[in-house]
């Protein structure tokens, strides 16, 4: 159980770091788009504004940040699920922890690869609460 818990803690750290990178990237993206809007308001063509502001590069960067964040989210939720199961929680309690149905919680538990702890099911939002 200590290994699974250590993995979960590491996953949470990576998830938080990815979230911080996403927030910073989105903040920069908003600033860039505000400047691009100003370009358009003073009459710059959309083509020139896109080129000048490197719209394609920003699009790729935001996509990459979102992809990384989603991957860390899935890893964290999978490792949290493993620890909850090791702590003796039922599938129903795993579902409650993530605010999802028993059916979805069953799919999450069944989808856990034994060797990586990685899952691929969207478990929605919800606070961890294992109380009955």
N, C-alpha and C. Protein backbone atom coordinates (compact mmCIF):
# COMPACT_ATOMS: atom_id res chain seq x y z
N UNK A 1 0.81 -1.19 0.00
CA UNK A 1 0.00 0.00 0.00
C UNK A 1 0.86 1.26 0.00
N UNK A 2 2.04 1.19 0.61
CA UNK A 2 2.91 2.36 0.67
C UNK A 2 3.34 2.78 -0.74
N UNK A 3 3.62 1.80 -1.62
CA UNK A 3 4.01 2.12 -2.99
C UNK A 3 2.89 2.84 -3.73
N UNK A 4 1.66 2.36 -3.58
CA UNK A 4 0.53 3.00 -4.25
C UNK A 4 0.31 4.41 -3.72
N UNK A 5 0.46 4.57 -2.42
CA UNK A 5 0.28 5.89 -1.82
C UNK A 5 1.38 6.85 -2.28
N UNK A 6 2.61 6.38 -2.34
CA UNK A 6 3.71 7.20 -2.83
C UNK A 6 3.48 7.60 -4.29
N UNK A 7 2.99 6.66 -5.09
CA UNK A 7 2.68 6.96 -6.48
C UNK A 7 1.59 8.02 -6.57
N UNK A 8 0.57 7.89 -5.72
CA UNK A 8 -0.51 8.86 -5.71
C UNK A 8 0.01 10.25 -5.35
N UNK A 9 0.85 10.34 -4.34
CA UNK A 9 1.40 11.63 -3.93
C UNK A 9 2.23 12.23 -5.06
N UNK A 10 3.04 11.41 -5.72
CA UNK A 10 3.83 11.89 -6.87
C UNK A 10 2.90 12.37 -7.99
N UNK A 11 1.84 11.61 -8.23
CA UNK A 11 0.88 12.00 -9.28
C UNK A 11 0.21 13.33 -8.94
N UNK A 12 -0.16 13.51 -7.68
CA UNK A 12 -0.79 14.77 -7.27
C UNK A 12 0.18 15.93 -7.48
N UNK A 13 1.44 15.72 -7.14
CA UNK A 13 2.45 16.78 -7.36
C UNK A 13 2.56 17.14 -8.84
N UNK A 14 2.60 16.12 -9.71
CA UNK A 14 2.69 16.37 -11.15
C UNK A 14 1.42 17.06 -11.67
N UNK A 15 0.28 16.67 -11.13
CA UNK A 15 -1.01 17.26 -11.50
C UNK A 15 -1.04 18.75 -11.13
N UNK A 16 -0.60 19.06 -9.91
CA UNK A 16 -0.56 20.45 -9.48
C UNK A 16 0.39 21.28 -10.34
N UNK A 17 1.56 20.72 -10.65
CA UNK A 17 2.52 21.43 -11.49
C UNK A 17 1.96 21.66 -12.89
N UNK A 18 1.27 20.67 -13.44
CA UNK A 18 0.65 20.84 -14.76
C UNK A 18 -0.43 21.91 -14.69
N UNK A 19 -1.18 21.95 -13.60
CA UNK A 19 -2.20 22.98 -13.42
C UNK A 19 -1.60 24.37 -13.36
N UNK A 20 -0.48 24.49 -12.66
CA UNK A 20 0.20 25.79 -12.59
C UNK A 20 0.69 26.23 -13.96
N UNK A 21 1.24 25.28 -14.74
CA UNK A 21 1.70 25.61 -16.10
C UNK A 21 0.51 26.00 -16.98
N UNK A 22 -0.61 25.30 -16.82
CA UNK A 22 -1.80 25.62 -17.60
C UNK A 22 -2.31 27.02 -17.26
N UNK A 23 -2.39 27.35 -15.98
CA UNK A 23 -2.85 28.67 -15.57
C UNK A 23 -1.94 29.76 -16.14
N UNK A 24 -0.64 29.56 -16.03
CA UNK A 24 0.30 30.55 -16.56
C UNK A 24 0.15 30.68 -18.08
N UNK A 25 0.03 29.55 -18.76
CA UNK A 25 -0.13 29.58 -20.21
C UNK A 25 -1.42 30.24 -20.64
N UNK A 26 -2.50 29.97 -19.95
CA UNK A 26 -3.78 30.58 -20.27
C UNK A 26 -3.72 32.09 -20.01
N UNK A 27 -3.07 32.50 -18.94
CA UNK A 27 -2.92 33.93 -18.65
C UNK A 27 -2.15 34.63 -19.77
N UNK A 28 -1.08 34.01 -20.23
CA UNK A 28 -0.31 34.58 -21.34
C UNK A 28 -1.14 34.59 -22.62
N UNK A 29 -1.92 33.55 -22.83
CA UNK A 29 -2.77 33.46 -24.01
C UNK A 29 -3.81 34.57 -24.01
N UNK A 30 -4.40 34.84 -22.85
CA UNK A 30 -5.38 35.92 -22.73
C UNK A 30 -4.73 37.26 -23.05
N UNK A 31 -3.54 37.48 -22.52
CA UNK A 31 -2.82 38.73 -22.80
C UNK A 31 -2.54 38.87 -24.29
N UNK A 32 -2.10 37.79 -24.93
CA UNK A 32 -1.81 37.82 -26.36
C UNK A 32 -3.07 38.11 -27.15
N UNK A 33 -4.18 37.49 -26.78
CA UNK A 33 -5.44 37.72 -27.49
C UNK A 33 -5.95 39.14 -27.28
N UNK A 34 -5.70 39.72 -26.13
CA UNK A 34 -6.08 41.11 -25.89
C UNK A 34 -5.30 42.03 -26.82
N UNK A 35 -4.02 41.73 -26.99
CA UNK A 35 -3.20 42.52 -27.91
C UNK A 35 -3.65 42.31 -29.35
N UNK A 36 -4.01 41.08 -29.68
CA UNK A 36 -4.50 40.80 -31.04
C UNK A 36 -5.81 41.54 -31.30
N UNK A 37 -6.66 41.63 -30.30
CA UNK A 37 -7.90 42.38 -30.45
C UNK A 37 -7.61 43.86 -30.72
N UNK A 38 -6.63 44.38 -30.02
CA UNK A 38 -6.23 45.77 -30.26
C UNK A 38 -5.73 45.94 -31.70
N UNK A 39 -4.97 44.94 -32.19
CA UNK A 39 -4.51 44.99 -33.59
C UNK A 39 -5.70 45.15 -34.53
N UNK A 40 -6.72 44.35 -34.30
CA UNK A 40 -7.90 44.37 -35.17
C UNK A 40 -8.67 45.68 -35.04
N UNK A 41 -8.73 46.20 -33.81
CA UNK A 41 -9.46 47.44 -33.59
C UNK A 41 -8.80 48.64 -34.28
N UNK A 42 -7.50 48.59 -34.49
CA UNK A 42 -6.82 49.69 -35.18
C UNK A 42 -6.72 49.44 -36.68
N UNK A 43 -7.34 48.35 -37.15
CA UNK A 43 -7.42 48.11 -38.59
C UNK A 43 -6.44 47.11 -39.17
N UNK A 44 -5.63 46.45 -38.35
CA UNK A 44 -4.72 45.43 -38.87
C UNK A 44 -5.55 44.27 -39.42
N UNK A 45 -5.09 43.68 -40.50
CA UNK A 45 -5.81 42.53 -41.04
C UNK A 45 -5.66 41.34 -40.10
N UNK A 46 -6.63 40.46 -40.16
CA UNK A 46 -6.59 39.26 -39.33
C UNK A 46 -5.37 38.42 -39.67
N UNK A 47 -5.07 38.31 -40.97
CA UNK A 47 -3.90 37.54 -41.40
C UNK A 47 -2.63 38.11 -40.80
N UNK A 48 -2.47 39.43 -40.86
CA UNK A 48 -1.26 40.05 -40.30
C UNK A 48 -1.21 39.90 -38.78
N UNK A 49 -2.35 40.05 -38.13
CA UNK A 49 -2.38 39.90 -36.68
C UNK A 49 -2.03 38.48 -36.28
N UNK A 50 -2.60 37.49 -36.97
CA UNK A 50 -2.26 36.09 -36.67
C UNK A 50 -0.77 35.84 -36.83
N UNK A 51 -0.21 36.36 -37.90
CA UNK A 51 1.21 36.14 -38.17
C UNK A 51 2.05 36.86 -37.13
N UNK A 52 1.72 38.12 -36.87
CA UNK A 52 2.48 38.94 -35.92
C UNK A 52 2.43 38.36 -34.51
N UNK A 53 1.28 37.87 -34.11
CA UNK A 53 1.10 37.34 -32.75
C UNK A 53 1.39 35.84 -32.66
N UNK A 54 1.79 35.22 -33.75
CA UNK A 54 2.08 33.78 -33.80
C UNK A 54 0.91 32.96 -33.27
N UNK A 55 -0.24 33.19 -33.86
CA UNK A 55 -1.47 32.52 -33.44
C UNK A 55 -1.34 30.99 -33.50
N UNK A 56 -0.71 30.49 -34.55
CA UNK A 56 -0.56 29.03 -34.68
C UNK A 56 0.30 28.47 -33.55
N UNK A 57 1.37 29.16 -33.22
CA UNK A 57 2.23 28.72 -32.12
C UNK A 57 1.49 28.72 -30.79
N UNK A 58 0.71 29.77 -30.56
CA UNK A 58 -0.07 29.84 -29.32
C UNK A 58 -1.10 28.72 -29.27
N UNK A 59 -1.73 28.44 -30.38
CA UNK A 59 -2.73 27.37 -30.42
C UNK A 59 -2.10 26.04 -30.06
N UNK A 60 -0.93 25.76 -30.62
CA UNK A 60 -0.23 24.51 -30.31
C UNK A 60 0.18 24.47 -28.84
N UNK A 61 0.64 25.60 -28.31
CA UNK A 61 1.08 25.63 -26.91
C UNK A 61 -0.09 25.36 -25.97
N UNK A 62 -1.22 26.02 -26.20
CA UNK A 62 -2.39 25.81 -25.34
C UNK A 62 -2.86 24.36 -25.45
N UNK A 63 -2.89 23.82 -26.65
CA UNK A 63 -3.29 22.42 -26.83
C UNK A 63 -2.37 21.49 -26.07
N UNK A 64 -1.07 21.76 -26.12
CA UNK A 64 -0.10 20.93 -25.41
C UNK A 64 -0.31 21.02 -23.89
N UNK A 65 -0.53 22.23 -23.39
CA UNK A 65 -0.77 22.41 -21.96
C UNK A 65 -2.05 21.70 -21.51
N UNK A 66 -3.10 21.80 -22.31
CA UNK A 66 -4.36 21.11 -21.99
C UNK A 66 -4.17 19.60 -22.01
N UNK A 67 -3.44 19.11 -23.00
CA UNK A 67 -3.18 17.67 -23.10
C UNK A 67 -2.41 17.18 -21.87
N UNK A 68 -1.37 17.91 -21.50
CA UNK A 68 -0.58 17.52 -20.33
C UNK A 68 -1.44 17.53 -19.07
N UNK A 69 -2.25 18.57 -18.90
CA UNK A 69 -3.10 18.67 -17.71
C UNK A 69 -4.08 17.50 -17.65
N UNK A 70 -4.70 17.18 -18.77
CA UNK A 70 -5.66 16.07 -18.82
C UNK A 70 -4.97 14.74 -18.52
N UNK A 71 -3.77 14.54 -19.05
CA UNK A 71 -3.03 13.29 -18.78
C UNK A 71 -2.70 13.18 -17.29
N UNK A 72 -2.24 14.27 -16.68
CA UNK A 72 -1.93 14.24 -15.24
C UNK A 72 -3.20 14.03 -14.42
N UNK A 73 -4.33 14.61 -14.86
CA UNK A 73 -5.60 14.42 -14.16
C UNK A 73 -6.00 12.95 -14.15
N UNK A 74 -5.89 12.31 -15.31
CA UNK A 74 -6.24 10.88 -15.40
C UNK A 74 -5.31 10.03 -14.55
N UNK A 75 -4.01 10.32 -14.60
CA UNK A 75 -3.06 9.57 -13.78
C UNK A 75 -3.40 9.71 -12.29
N UNK A 76 -3.68 10.93 -11.88
CA UNK A 76 -3.97 11.18 -10.46
C UNK A 76 -5.25 10.47 -10.03
N UNK A 77 -6.28 10.57 -10.85
CA UNK A 77 -7.53 9.91 -10.48
C UNK A 77 -7.38 8.39 -10.45
N UNK A 78 -6.57 7.86 -11.32
CA UNK A 78 -6.32 6.42 -11.29
C UNK A 78 -5.56 6.01 -10.03
N UNK A 79 -4.52 6.76 -9.69
CA UNK A 79 -3.75 6.39 -8.50
C UNK A 79 -4.55 6.61 -7.23
N UNK A 80 -5.40 7.64 -7.20
CA UNK A 80 -6.29 7.84 -6.06
C UNK A 80 -7.24 6.65 -5.94
N UNK A 81 -7.76 6.18 -7.05
CA UNK A 81 -8.66 5.03 -7.05
C UNK A 81 -7.97 3.80 -6.48
N UNK A 82 -6.73 3.56 -6.88
CA UNK A 82 -5.98 2.42 -6.37
C UNK A 82 -5.85 2.51 -4.86
N UNK A 83 -5.50 3.68 -4.36
CA UNK A 83 -5.33 3.84 -2.90
C UNK A 83 -6.67 3.65 -2.19
N UNK A 84 -7.74 4.22 -2.74
CA UNK A 84 -9.06 4.03 -2.11
C UNK A 84 -9.42 2.55 -2.03
N UNK A 85 -9.16 1.82 -3.09
CA UNK A 85 -9.45 0.37 -3.08
C UNK A 85 -8.57 -0.35 -2.07
N UNK A 86 -7.29 0.03 -2.01
CA UNK A 86 -6.39 -0.60 -1.05
C UNK A 86 -6.78 -0.26 0.39
N UNK A 87 -7.42 0.88 0.58
CA UNK A 87 -7.91 1.25 1.91
C UNK A 87 -9.22 0.55 2.25
N UNK A 88 -9.69 -0.30 1.33
CA UNK A 88 -10.89 -1.08 1.59
C UNK A 88 -12.19 -0.43 1.15
N UNK A 89 -12.10 0.64 0.38
CA UNK A 89 -13.31 1.30 -0.11
C UNK A 89 -13.95 0.46 -1.19
N UNK A 90 -15.25 0.49 -1.23
CA UNK A 90 -16.00 -0.25 -2.25
C UNK A 90 -16.05 0.57 -3.54
N UNK A 91 -16.53 -0.06 -4.59
CA UNK A 91 -16.71 0.63 -5.87
C UNK A 91 -17.69 1.80 -5.69
N UNK A 92 -18.73 1.58 -4.91
CA UNK A 92 -19.70 2.65 -4.64
C UNK A 92 -19.02 3.83 -3.95
N UNK A 93 -18.16 3.54 -2.99
CA UNK A 93 -17.45 4.60 -2.29
C UNK A 93 -16.46 5.32 -3.21
N UNK A 94 -15.84 4.59 -4.12
CA UNK A 94 -14.97 5.23 -5.12
C UNK A 94 -15.81 6.19 -5.96
N UNK A 95 -16.99 5.75 -6.36
CA UNK A 95 -17.88 6.61 -7.12
C UNK A 95 -18.25 7.86 -6.35
N UNK A 96 -18.57 7.70 -5.08
CA UNK A 96 -18.91 8.85 -4.24
C UNK A 96 -17.73 9.81 -4.11
N UNK A 97 -16.53 9.25 -3.99
CA UNK A 97 -15.33 10.09 -3.83
C UNK A 97 -15.16 11.03 -5.01
N UNK A 98 -15.55 10.58 -6.19
CA UNK A 98 -15.38 11.39 -7.39
C UNK A 98 -16.69 11.98 -7.89
N UNK A 99 -17.78 11.70 -7.20
CA UNK A 99 -19.06 12.26 -7.59
C UNK A 99 -19.61 11.67 -8.88
N UNK A 100 -19.38 10.36 -9.07
CA UNK A 100 -19.88 9.69 -10.27
C UNK A 100 -20.75 8.51 -9.88
N UNK A 101 -21.46 7.97 -10.84
CA UNK A 101 -22.35 6.84 -10.59
C UNK A 101 -21.57 5.57 -10.27
N UNK A 102 -22.28 4.62 -9.68
CA UNK A 102 -21.68 3.31 -9.41
C UNK A 102 -21.22 2.67 -10.72
N UNK A 103 -22.04 2.81 -11.76
CA UNK A 103 -21.71 2.22 -13.06
C UNK A 103 -20.40 2.79 -13.59
N UNK A 104 -20.23 4.10 -13.54
CA UNK A 104 -18.99 4.70 -14.03
C UNK A 104 -17.82 4.32 -13.12
N UNK A 105 -18.05 4.28 -11.82
CA UNK A 105 -16.99 3.86 -10.90
C UNK A 105 -16.55 2.43 -11.21
N UNK A 106 -17.49 1.55 -11.55
CA UNK A 106 -17.13 0.17 -11.92
C UNK A 106 -16.25 0.16 -13.16
N UNK A 107 -16.59 0.99 -14.13
CA UNK A 107 -15.78 1.06 -15.35
C UNK A 107 -14.38 1.60 -15.05
N UNK A 108 -14.31 2.55 -14.13
CA UNK A 108 -13.02 3.11 -13.74
C UNK A 108 -12.16 2.02 -13.11
N UNK A 109 -12.73 1.31 -12.16
CA UNK A 109 -11.99 0.26 -11.45
C UNK A 109 -11.56 -0.84 -12.42
N UNK A 110 -12.45 -1.25 -13.31
CA UNK A 110 -12.11 -2.30 -14.28
C UNK A 110 -11.06 -1.83 -15.28
N UNK A 111 -10.98 -0.52 -15.51
CA UNK A 111 -10.05 0.02 -16.49
C UNK A 111 -8.66 0.28 -15.96
N UNK A 112 -8.41 -0.03 -14.68
CA UNK A 112 -7.09 0.22 -14.11
C UNK A 112 -6.09 -0.85 -14.54
N UNK A 113 -5.09 -0.48 -15.35
CA UNK A 113 -4.05 -1.45 -15.65
C UNK A 113 -3.26 -1.76 -14.38
N UNK A 114 -2.93 -3.01 -14.19
CA UNK A 114 -2.26 -3.44 -12.96
C UNK A 114 -0.85 -2.87 -12.85
N UNK A 115 -0.18 -2.64 -13.96
CA UNK A 115 1.23 -2.26 -13.87
C UNK A 115 1.47 -0.76 -13.88
N UNK A 116 0.54 0.08 -14.34
CA UNK A 116 0.84 1.50 -14.46
C UNK A 116 -0.04 2.37 -13.59
N UNK A 117 -1.20 1.90 -13.18
CA UNK A 117 -2.11 2.73 -12.42
C UNK A 117 -2.77 3.81 -13.25
N UNK A 118 -2.63 3.74 -14.57
CA UNK A 118 -3.19 4.75 -15.46
C UNK A 118 -4.57 4.34 -15.93
N UNK A 119 -5.50 5.27 -15.92
CA UNK A 119 -6.84 5.02 -16.42
C UNK A 119 -7.17 5.97 -17.53
N UNK A 120 -8.33 5.76 -18.14
CA UNK A 120 -8.70 6.63 -19.24
C UNK A 120 -10.15 7.06 -19.20
N UNK A 121 -10.79 6.93 -18.06
CA UNK A 121 -12.20 7.27 -17.94
C UNK A 121 -12.32 8.66 -17.34
N UNK A 122 -13.19 9.50 -17.90
CA UNK A 122 -13.47 10.81 -17.35
C UNK A 122 -14.38 10.62 -16.15
N UNK A 123 -13.89 10.98 -14.97
CA UNK A 123 -14.64 10.73 -13.75
C UNK A 123 -15.36 11.97 -13.26
N UNK A 124 -15.37 13.05 -14.02
CA UNK A 124 -16.08 14.25 -13.62
C UNK A 124 -15.43 14.96 -12.45
N UNK A 125 -16.10 15.99 -11.95
CA UNK A 125 -15.58 16.76 -10.85
C UNK A 125 -16.19 16.28 -9.54
N UNK A 126 -15.46 16.47 -8.47
CA UNK A 126 -15.99 16.13 -7.17
C UNK A 126 -14.88 16.04 -6.14
N UNK A 127 -15.19 16.36 -4.93
CA UNK A 127 -14.22 16.27 -3.86
C UNK A 127 -14.14 14.84 -3.35
N UNK A 128 -12.97 14.46 -2.85
CA UNK A 128 -12.80 13.14 -2.28
C UNK A 128 -13.53 13.10 -0.95
N UNK A 129 -14.51 12.22 -0.83
CA UNK A 129 -15.30 12.05 0.37
C UNK A 129 -15.67 10.58 0.45
N UNK A 130 -14.99 9.83 1.30
CA UNK A 130 -15.24 8.40 1.37
C UNK A 130 -16.19 8.02 2.49
N UNK A 131 -16.79 9.01 3.15
CA UNK A 131 -17.73 8.70 4.23
C UNK A 131 -19.02 8.15 3.64
N UNK A 132 -19.64 7.23 4.37
CA UNK A 132 -20.93 6.68 3.94
C UNK A 132 -22.05 7.62 4.18
